[in-house]
């Protein structure tokens, strides 16, 4: 993102808590869903060149009745977002 953004350009990275265990790093699988948001922020901090990093998480919403997974769990997948600006 740092390579393609203009200075001051904003990025928004949104993700859910769904993942495939064989395809993620161990720290992701071992972390609580809200810790994963912090991990993403940490990646941007370590990469450098970003400012005004922030996050938001939304959880606890009911699935619509017509959702094919509604019988398995009443809760929808949480959504997490991290955003910031290129310094």
PDB file of N, CA and C in Angstrom:
ATOM      1  N   UNK A   1       0.822  -1.184   0.000  1.00  0.00           N
ATOM      2  CA  UNK A   1       0.000   0.000   0.000  1.00  0.00           C
ATOM      3  C   UNK A   1       0.865   1.246   0.000  1.00  0.00           C
ATOM      4  N   UNK A   2       1.972   1.176   0.723  1.00  0.00           N
ATOM      5  CA  UNK A   2       2.842   2.350   0.767  1.00  0.00           C
ATOM      6  C   UNK A   2       3.383   2.674  -0.626  1.00  0.00           C
ATOM      7  N   UNK A   3       3.638   1.632  -1.413  1.00  0.00           N
ATOM      8  CA  UNK A   3       4.209   1.852  -2.743  1.00  0.00           C
ATOM      9  C   UNK A   3       3.225   2.522  -3.691  1.00  0.00           C
ATOM     10  N   UNK A   4       1.944   2.228  -3.585  1.00  0.00           N
ATOM     11  CA  UNK A   4       0.980   2.738  -4.561  1.00  0.00           C
ATOM     12  C   UNK A   4       0.230   3.987  -4.113  1.00  0.00           C
ATOM     13  N   UNK A   5       0.234   4.284  -2.821  1.00  0.00           N
ATOM     14  CA  UNK A   5      -0.479   5.474  -2.346  1.00  0.00           C
ATOM     15  C   UNK A   5       0.356   6.730  -2.524  1.00  0.00           C
ATOM     16  N   UNK A   6      -0.303   7.826  -2.827  1.00  0.00           N
ATOM     17  CA  UNK A   6       0.356   9.126  -2.833  1.00  0.00           C
ATOM     18  C   UNK A   6       0.509   9.580  -1.391  1.00  0.00           C
ATOM     19  N   UNK A   7       1.465  10.455  -1.096  1.00  0.00           N
ATOM     20  CA  UNK A   7       1.569  10.980   0.276  1.00  0.00           C
ATOM     21  C   UNK A   7       0.229  11.561   0.727  1.00  0.00           C
ATOM     22  N   UNK A   8      -0.197  11.163   1.919  1.00  0.00           N
ATOM     23  CA  UNK A   8      -1.488  11.593   2.439  1.00  0.00           C
ATOM     24  C   UNK A   8      -2.646  10.718   1.998  1.00  0.00           C
ATOM     25  N   UNK A   9      -2.377   9.771   1.081  1.00  0.00           N
ATOM     26  CA  UNK A   9      -3.429   8.878   0.606  1.00  0.00           C
ATOM     27  C   UNK A   9      -3.889   7.943   1.715  1.00  0.00           C
ATOM     28  N   UNK A  10      -5.160   7.649   1.726  1.00  0.00           N
ATOM     29  CA  UNK A  10      -5.751   6.816   2.782  1.00  0.00           C
ATOM     30  C   UNK A  10      -5.988   5.401   2.267  1.00  0.00           C
ATOM     31  N   UNK A  11      -5.745   4.434   3.136  1.00  0.00           N
ATOM     32  CA  UNK A  11      -6.091   3.056   2.837  1.00  0.00           C
ATOM     33  C   UNK A  11      -7.100   2.579   3.874  1.00  0.00           C
ATOM     34  N   UNK A  12      -7.929   1.634   3.480  1.00  0.00           N
ATOM     35  CA  UNK A  12      -8.860   0.958   4.382  1.00  0.00           C
ATOM     36  C   UNK A  12      -8.752  -0.531   4.076  1.00  0.00           C
ATOM     37  N   UNK A  13      -8.447  -1.309   5.104  1.00  0.00           N
ATOM     38  CA  UNK A  13      -8.326  -2.751   4.971  1.00  0.00           C
ATOM     39  C   UNK A  13      -9.403  -3.382   5.849  1.00  0.00           C
ATOM     40  N   UNK A  14     -10.362  -4.062   5.241  1.00  0.00           N
ATOM     41  CA  UNK A  14     -11.458  -4.701   5.985  1.00  0.00           C
ATOM     42  C   UNK A  14     -11.314  -6.211   5.877  1.00  0.00           C
ATOM     43  N   UNK A  15     -11.627  -6.911   6.981  1.00  0.00           N
ATOM     44  CA  UNK A  15     -11.517  -8.364   6.990  1.00  0.00           C
ATOM     45  C   UNK A  15     -12.461  -8.935   8.036  1.00  0.00           C
ATOM     46  N   UNK A  16     -12.787 -10.213   7.883  1.00  0.00           N
ATOM     47  CA  UNK A  16     -13.633 -10.898   8.859  1.00  0.00           C
ATOM     48  C   UNK A  16     -12.750 -11.820   9.690  1.00  0.00           C
ATOM     49  N   UNK A  17     -13.364 -12.606  10.549  1.00  0.00           N
ATOM     50  CA  UNK A  17     -12.585 -13.537  11.353  1.00  0.00           C
ATOM     51  C   UNK A  17     -12.488 -14.913  10.698  1.00  0.00           C
ATOM     52  N   UNK A  18     -12.979 -15.054   9.478  1.00  0.00           N
ATOM     53  CA  UNK A  18     -12.892 -16.337   8.777  1.00  0.00           C
ATOM     54  C   UNK A  18     -11.503 -16.501   8.186  1.00  0.00           C
ATOM     55  N   UNK A  19     -10.990 -17.712   8.287  1.00  0.00           N
ATOM     56  CA  UNK A  19      -9.698 -18.018   7.685  1.00  0.00           C
ATOM     57  C   UNK A  19      -9.568 -19.525   7.532  1.00  0.00           C
ATOM     58  N   UNK A  20      -8.618 -19.947   6.725  1.00  0.00           N
ATOM     59  CA  UNK A  20      -8.322 -21.358   6.520  1.00  0.00           C
ATOM     60  C   UNK A  20      -7.040 -21.680   7.265  1.00  0.00           C
ATOM     61  N   UNK A  21      -7.100 -22.488   8.323  1.00  0.00           N
ATOM     62  CA  UNK A  21      -5.927 -22.740   9.163  1.00  0.00           C
ATOM     63  C   UNK A  21      -4.631 -23.075   8.408  1.00  0.00           C
ATOM     64  N   UNK A  22      -4.668 -23.892   7.335  1.00  0.00           N
ATOM     65  CA  UNK A  22      -3.403 -24.194   6.666  1.00  0.00           C
ATOM     66  C   UNK A  22      -2.791 -22.992   5.929  1.00  0.00           C
ATOM     67  N   UNK A  23      -3.573 -21.920   5.785  1.00  0.00           N
ATOM     68  CA  UNK A  23      -3.110 -20.798   4.970  1.00  0.00           C
ATOM     69  C   UNK A  23      -2.728 -19.557   5.777  1.00  0.00           C
ATOM     70  N   UNK A  24      -2.746 -19.639   7.107  1.00  0.00           N
ATOM     71  CA  UNK A  24      -2.423 -18.458   7.910  1.00  0.00           C
ATOM     72  C   UNK A  24      -1.174 -18.713   8.751  1.00  0.00           C
ATOM     73  N   UNK A  25      -0.538 -17.631   9.157  1.00  0.00           N
ATOM     74  CA  UNK A  25       0.596 -17.751  10.067  1.00  0.00           C
ATOM     75  C   UNK A  25       0.066 -18.140  11.444  1.00  0.00           C
ATOM     76  N   UNK A  26       0.885 -18.819  12.217  1.00  0.00           N
ATOM     77  CA  UNK A  26       0.448 -19.346  13.512  1.00  0.00           C
ATOM     78  C   UNK A  26      -0.078 -18.253  14.435  1.00  0.00           C
ATOM     79  N   UNK A  27       0.568 -17.088  14.442  1.00  0.00           N
ATOM     80  CA  UNK A  27       0.128 -16.023  15.346  1.00  0.00           C
ATOM     81  C   UNK A  27      -1.317 -15.619  15.054  1.00  0.00           C
ATOM     82  N   UNK A  28      -1.726 -15.673  13.791  1.00  0.00           N
ATOM     83  CA  UNK A  28      -3.106 -15.338  13.411  1.00  0.00           C
ATOM     84  C   UNK A  28      -4.077 -16.371  13.981  1.00  0.00           C
ATOM     85  N   UNK A  29      -3.743 -17.642  13.837  1.00  0.00           N
ATOM     86  CA  UNK A  29      -4.619 -18.706  14.328  1.00  0.00           C
ATOM     87  C   UNK A  29      -4.702 -18.713  15.851  1.00  0.00           C
ATOM     88  N   UNK A  30      -3.611 -18.358  16.525  1.00  0.00           N
ATOM     89  CA  UNK A  30      -3.571 -18.384  17.987  1.00  0.00           C
ATOM     90  C   UNK A  30      -4.197 -17.150  18.629  1.00  0.00           C
ATOM     91  N   UNK A  31      -4.388 -16.098  17.857  1.00  0.00           N
ATOM     92  CA  UNK A  31      -4.861 -14.825  18.411  1.00  0.00           C
ATOM     93  C   UNK A  31      -6.391 -14.796  18.520  1.00  0.00           C
ATOM     94  N   UNK A  32      -6.867 -14.052  19.499  1.00  0.00           N
ATOM     95  CA  UNK A  32      -8.299 -13.745  19.612  1.00  0.00           C
ATOM     96  C   UNK A  32      -8.665 -12.856  18.431  1.00  0.00           C
ATOM     97  N   UNK A  33      -9.898 -12.920  17.916  1.00  0.00           N
ATOM     98  CA  UNK A  33     -10.259 -12.078  16.766  1.00  0.00           C
ATOM     99  C   UNK A  33      -9.926 -10.596  16.942  1.00  0.00           C
ATOM    100  N   UNK A  34     -10.105 -10.060  18.140  1.00  0.00           N
ATOM    101  CA  UNK A  34      -9.791  -8.640  18.320  1.00  0.00           C
ATOM    102  C   UNK A  34      -8.287  -8.392  18.395  1.00  0.00           C
ATOM    103  N   UNK A  35      -7.522  -9.405  18.774  1.00  0.00           N
ATOM    104  CA  UNK A  35      -6.063  -9.273  18.749  1.00  0.00           C
ATOM    105  C   UNK A  35      -5.550  -9.236  17.322  1.00  0.00           C
ATOM    106  N   UNK A  36      -6.286  -9.851  16.413  1.00  0.00           N
ATOM    107  CA  UNK A  36      -5.862  -9.845  15.005  1.00  0.00           C
ATOM    108  C   UNK A  36      -5.884  -8.431  14.440  1.00  0.00           C
ATOM    109  N   UNK A  37      -6.838  -7.630  14.862  1.00  0.00           N
ATOM    110  CA  UNK A  37      -6.869  -6.232  14.418  1.00  0.00           C
ATOM    111  C   UNK A  37      -5.603  -5.520  14.883  1.00  0.00           C
ATOM    112  N   UNK A  38      -5.215  -5.744  16.127  1.00  0.00           N
ATOM    113  CA  UNK A  38      -3.979  -5.166  16.636  1.00  0.00           C
ATOM    114  C   UNK A  38      -2.758  -5.668  15.888  1.00  0.00           C
ATOM    115  N   UNK A  39      -2.779  -6.930  15.493  1.00  0.00           N
ATOM    116  CA  UNK A  39      -1.671  -7.487  14.725  1.00  0.00           C
ATOM    117  C   UNK A  39      -1.538  -6.781  13.376  1.00  0.00           C
ATOM    118  N   UNK A  40      -2.661  -6.528  12.719  1.00  0.00           N
ATOM    119  CA  UNK A  40      -2.631  -5.822  11.430  1.00  0.00           C
ATOM    120  C   UNK A  40      -2.066  -4.415  11.618  1.00  0.00           C
ATOM    121  N   UNK A  41      -2.492  -3.725  12.660  1.00  0.00           N
ATOM    122  CA  UNK A  41      -1.941  -2.391  12.938  1.00  0.00           C
ATOM    123  C   UNK A  41      -0.445  -2.485  13.172  1.00  0.00           C
ATOM    124  N   UNK A  42      -0.019  -3.486  13.925  1.00  0.00           N
ATOM    125  CA  UNK A  42       1.407  -3.671  14.199  1.00  0.00           C
ATOM    126  C   UNK A  42       2.196  -3.890  12.913  1.00  0.00           C
ATOM    127  N   UNK A  43       1.638  -4.644  11.966  1.00  0.00           N
ATOM    128  CA  UNK A  43       2.316  -4.840  10.679  1.00  0.00           C
ATOM    129  C   UNK A  43       2.538  -3.500   9.974  1.00  0.00           C
ATOM    130  N   UNK A  44       1.533  -2.629   9.984  1.00  0.00           N
ATOM    131  CA  UNK A  44       1.693  -1.323   9.343  1.00  0.00           C
ATOM    132  C   UNK A  44       2.706  -0.460  10.097  1.00  0.00           C
ATOM    133  N   UNK A  45       2.691  -0.517  11.422  1.00  0.00           N
ATOM    134  CA  UNK A  45       3.670   0.246  12.200  1.00  0.00           C
ATOM    135  C   UNK A  45       5.086  -0.222  11.907  1.00  0.00           C
ATOM    136  N   UNK A  46       5.281  -1.533  11.851  1.00  0.00           N
ATOM    137  CA  UNK A  46       6.613  -2.077  11.583  1.00  0.00           C
ATOM    138  C   UNK A  46       7.081  -1.772  10.165  1.00  0.00           C
ATOM    139  N   UNK A  47       6.143  -1.743   9.218  1.00  0.00           N
ATOM    140  CA  UNK A  47       6.500  -1.437   7.836  1.00  0.00           C
ATOM    141  C   UNK A  47       6.968   0.005   7.702  1.00  0.00           C
ATOM    142  N   UNK A  48       6.425   0.884   8.528  1.00  0.00           N
ATOM    143  CA  UNK A  48       6.783   2.295   8.481  1.00  0.00           C
ATOM    144  C   UNK A  48       6.122   3.010   7.316  1.00  0.00           C
ATOM    145  N   UNK A  49       6.098   4.319   7.413  1.00  0.00           N
ATOM    146  CA  UNK A  49       5.555   5.128   6.343  1.00  0.00           C
ATOM    147  C   UNK A  49       4.056   5.358   6.416  1.00  0.00           C
ATOM    148  N   UNK A  50       3.437   5.021   7.561  1.00  0.00           N
ATOM    149  CA  UNK A  50       2.004   5.218   7.718  1.00  0.00           C
ATOM    150  C   UNK A  50       1.734   6.048   8.967  1.00  0.00           C
ATOM    151  N   UNK A  51       0.650   6.803   8.933  1.00  0.00           N
ATOM    152  CA  UNK A  51       0.271   7.658  10.062  1.00  0.00           C
ATOM    153  C   UNK A  51      -1.232   7.537  10.293  1.00  0.00           C
ATOM    154  N   UNK A  52      -1.662   8.010  11.437  1.00  0.00           N
ATOM    155  CA  UNK A  52      -3.093   8.062  11.772  1.00  0.00           C
ATOM    156  C   UNK A  52      -3.774   6.696  11.679  1.00  0.00           C
ATOM    157  N   UNK A  53      -3.074   5.651  12.114  1.00  0.00           N
ATOM    158  CA  UNK A  53      -3.655   4.311  12.071  1.00  0.00           C
ATOM    159  C   UNK A  53      -4.789   4.192  13.086  1.00  0.00           C
ATOM    160  N   UNK A  54      -5.863   3.558  12.683  1.00  0.00           N
ATOM    161  CA  UNK A  54      -7.023   3.380  13.546  1.00  0.00           C
ATOM    162  C   UNK A  54      -7.722   2.084  13.155  1.00  0.00           C
ATOM    163  N   UNK A  55      -8.659   1.652  14.008  1.00  0.00           N
ATOM    164  CA  UNK A  55      -9.379   0.414  13.715  1.00  0.00           C
ATOM    165  C   UNK A  55     -10.815   0.506  14.201  1.00  0.00           C
ATOM    166  N   UNK A  56     -11.620  -0.430  13.698  1.00  0.00           N
ATOM    167  CA  UNK A  56     -13.020  -0.535  14.093  1.00  0.00           C
ATOM    168  C   UNK A  56     -13.424  -1.992  13.952  1.00  0.00           C
ATOM    169  N   UNK A  57     -14.229  -2.471  14.874  1.00  0.00           N
ATOM    170  CA  UNK A  57     -14.761  -3.833  14.800  1.00  0.00           C
ATOM    171  C   UNK A  57     -16.261  -3.795  15.052  1.00  0.00           C
ATOM    172  N   UNK A  58     -16.974  -4.614  14.321  1.00  0.00           N
ATOM    173  CA  UNK A  58     -18.421  -4.725  14.486  1.00  0.00           C
ATOM    174  C   UNK A  58     -18.758  -6.198  14.656  1.00  0.00           C
ATOM    175  N   UNK A  59     -19.371  -6.537  15.789  1.00  0.00           N
ATOM    176  CA  UNK A  59     -19.710  -7.938  16.069  1.00  0.00           C
ATOM    177  C   UNK A  59     -21.059  -7.983  16.780  1.00  0.00           C
ATOM    178  N   UNK A  60     -21.636  -9.165  16.819  1.00  0.00           N
ATOM    179  CA  UNK A  60     -22.868  -9.363  17.571  1.00  0.00           C
ATOM    180  C   UNK A  60     -24.150  -9.112  16.808  1.00  0.00           C
ATOM    181  N   UNK A  61     -24.065  -9.033  15.488  1.00  0.00           N
ATOM    182  CA  UNK A  61     -25.274  -8.843  14.685  1.00  0.00           C
ATOM    183  C   UNK A  61     -25.888 -10.199  14.354  1.00  0.00           C
ATOM    184  N   UNK A  62     -27.205 -10.281  14.357  1.00  0.00           N
ATOM    185  CA  UNK A  62     -27.881 -11.519  13.999  1.00  0.00           C
ATOM    186  C   UNK A  62     -27.811 -11.763  12.499  1.00  0.00           C
ATOM    187  N   UNK A  63     -27.746 -13.020  12.125  1.00  0.00           N
ATOM    188  CA  UNK A  63     -27.820 -13.390  10.707  1.00  0.00           C
ATOM    189  C   UNK A  63     -29.257 -13.195  10.223  1.00  0.00           C
ATOM    190  N   UNK A  64     -29.447 -12.794   8.982  1.00  0.00           N
ATOM    191  CA  UNK A  64     -30.802 -12.738   8.421  1.00  0.00           C
ATOM    192  C   UNK A  64     -31.376 -14.153   8.345  1.00  0.00           C
ATOM    193  N   UNK A  65     -32.670 -14.281   8.429  1.00  0.00           N
ATOM    194  CA  UNK A  65     -33.311 -15.596   8.398  1.00  0.00           C
ATOM    195  C   UNK A  65     -33.043 -16.355   7.102  1.00  0.00           C
ATOM    196  N   UNK A  66     -32.836 -15.627   6.002  1.00  0.00           N
ATOM    197  CA  UNK A  66     -32.589 -16.299   4.727  1.00  0.00           C
ATOM    198  C   UNK A  66     -31.112 -16.642   4.516  1.00  0.00           C
ATOM    199  N   UNK A  67     -30.251 -16.369   5.498  1.00  0.00           N
ATOM    200  CA  UNK A  67     -28.840 -16.737   5.419  1.00  0.00           C
ATOM    201  C   UNK A  67     -28.729 -18.259   5.538  1.00  0.00           C
ATOM    202  N   UNK A  68     -28.016 -18.883   4.629  1.00  0.00           N
ATOM    203  CA  UNK A  68     -27.954 -20.343   4.626  1.00  0.00           C
ATOM    204  C   UNK A  68     -27.257 -20.918   5.860  1.00  0.00           C
ATOM    205  N   UNK A  69     -26.537 -20.083   6.620  1.00  0.00           N
ATOM    206  CA  UNK A  69     -25.868 -20.553   7.836  1.00  0.00           C
ATOM    207  C   UNK A  69     -26.638 -20.187   9.107  1.00  0.00           C
ATOM    208  N   UNK A  70     -27.806 -19.607   8.970  1.00  0.00           N
ATOM    209  CA  UNK A  70     -28.572 -19.147  10.138  1.00  0.00           C
ATOM    210  C   UNK A  70     -28.921 -20.292  11.084  1.00  0.00           C
ATOM    211  N   UNK A  71     -29.107 -21.484  10.569  1.00  0.00           N
ATOM    212  CA  UNK A  71     -29.433 -22.620  11.433  1.00  0.00           C
ATOM    213  C   UNK A  71     -28.223 -23.092  12.235  1.00  0.00           C
ATOM    214  N   UNK A  72     -27.022 -22.793  11.749  1.00  0.00           N
ATOM    215  CA  UNK A  72     -25.801 -23.228  12.435  1.00  0.00           C
ATOM    216  C   UNK A  72     -25.417 -22.290  13.564  1.00  0.00           C
ATOM    217  N   UNK A  73     -25.580 -21.006  13.344  1.00  0.00           N
ATOM    218  CA  UNK A  73     -25.265 -20.006  14.357  1.00  0.00           C
ATOM    219  C   UNK A  73     -26.112 -18.764  14.108  1.00  0.00           C
ATOM    220  N   UNK A  74     -26.656 -18.167  15.146  1.00  0.00           N
ATOM    221  CA  UNK A  74     -27.502 -16.985  14.937  1.00  0.00           C
ATOM    222  C   UNK A  74     -26.692 -15.717  14.659  1.00  0.00           C
ATOM    223  N   UNK A  75     -25.388 -15.761  14.928  1.00  0.00           N
ATOM    224  CA  UNK A  75     -24.565 -14.548  14.826  1.00  0.00           C
ATOM    225  C   UNK A  75     -23.870 -14.448  13.481  1.00  0.00           C
ATOM    226  N   UNK A  76     -23.848 -13.264  12.922  1.00  0.00           N
ATOM    227  CA  UNK A  76     -23.115 -13.031  11.684  1.00  0.00           C
ATOM    228  C   UNK A  76     -21.621 -12.938  11.996  1.00  0.00           C
ATOM    229  N   UNK A  77     -20.820 -13.026  10.954  1.00  0.00           N
ATOM    230  CA  UNK A  77     -19.374 -12.916  11.143  1.00  0.00           C
ATOM    231  C   UNK A  77     -19.019 -11.486  11.521  1.00  0.00           C
ATOM    232  N   UNK A  78     -18.112 -11.317  12.481  1.00  0.00           N
ATOM    233  CA  UNK A  78     -17.635  -9.969  12.789  1.00  0.00           C
ATOM    234  C   UNK A  78     -16.892  -9.379  11.592  1.00  0.00           C
ATOM    235  N   UNK A  79     -16.864  -8.081  11.522  1.00  0.00           N
ATOM    236  CA  UNK A  79     -16.103  -7.372  10.499  1.00  0.00           C
ATOM    237  C   UNK A  79     -15.133  -6.447  11.217  1.00  0.00           C
ATOM    238  N   UNK A  80     -13.886  -6.470  10.768  1.00  0.00           N
ATOM    239  CA  UNK A  80     -12.847  -5.632  11.351  1.00  0.00           C
ATOM    240  C   UNK A  80     -12.267  -4.764  10.255  1.00  0.00           C
ATOM    241  N   UNK A  81     -11.847  -3.552  10.592  1.00  0.00           N
ATOM    242  CA  UNK A  81     -11.223  -2.663   9.614  1.00  0.00           C
ATOM    243  C   UNK A  81     -10.066  -1.916  10.262  1.00  0.00           C
ATOM    244  N   UNK A  82      -9.033  -1.729   9.467  1.00  0.00           N
ATOM    245  CA  UNK A  82      -7.881  -0.913   9.871  1.00  0.00           C
ATOM    246  C   UNK A  82      -7.678   0.103   8.760  1.00  0.00           C
ATOM    247  N   UNK A  83      -7.416   1.336   9.128  1.00  0.00           N
ATOM    248  CA  UNK A  83      -7.159   2.360   8.120  1.00  0.00           C
ATOM    249  C   UNK A  83      -6.079   3.304   8.602  1.00  0.00           C
ATOM    250  N   UNK A  84      -5.580   4.050   7.669  1.00  0.00           N
ATOM    251  CA  UNK A  84      -4.540   5.036   7.961  1.00  0.00           C
ATOM    252  C   UNK A  84      -4.158   5.792   6.713  1.00  0.00           C
ATOM    253  N   UNK A  85      -3.155   6.621   6.848  1.00  0.00           N
ATOM    254  CA  UNK A  85      -2.690   7.470   5.762  1.00  0.00           C
ATOM    255  C   UNK A  85      -1.227   7.173   5.477  1.00  0.00           C
ATOM    256  N   UNK A  86      -0.845   7.336   4.225  1.00  0.00           N
ATOM    257  CA  UNK A  86       0.564   7.265   3.892  1.00  0.00           C
ATOM    258  C   UNK A  86       1.221   8.542   4.406  1.00  0.00           C
ATOM    259  N   UNK A  87       2.284   8.367   5.174  1.00  0.00           N
ATOM    260  CA  UNK A  87       2.973   9.525   5.752  1.00  0.00           C
ATOM    261  C   UNK A  87       3.704  10.327   4.689  1.00  0.00           C
TER     262      UNK A  87
END
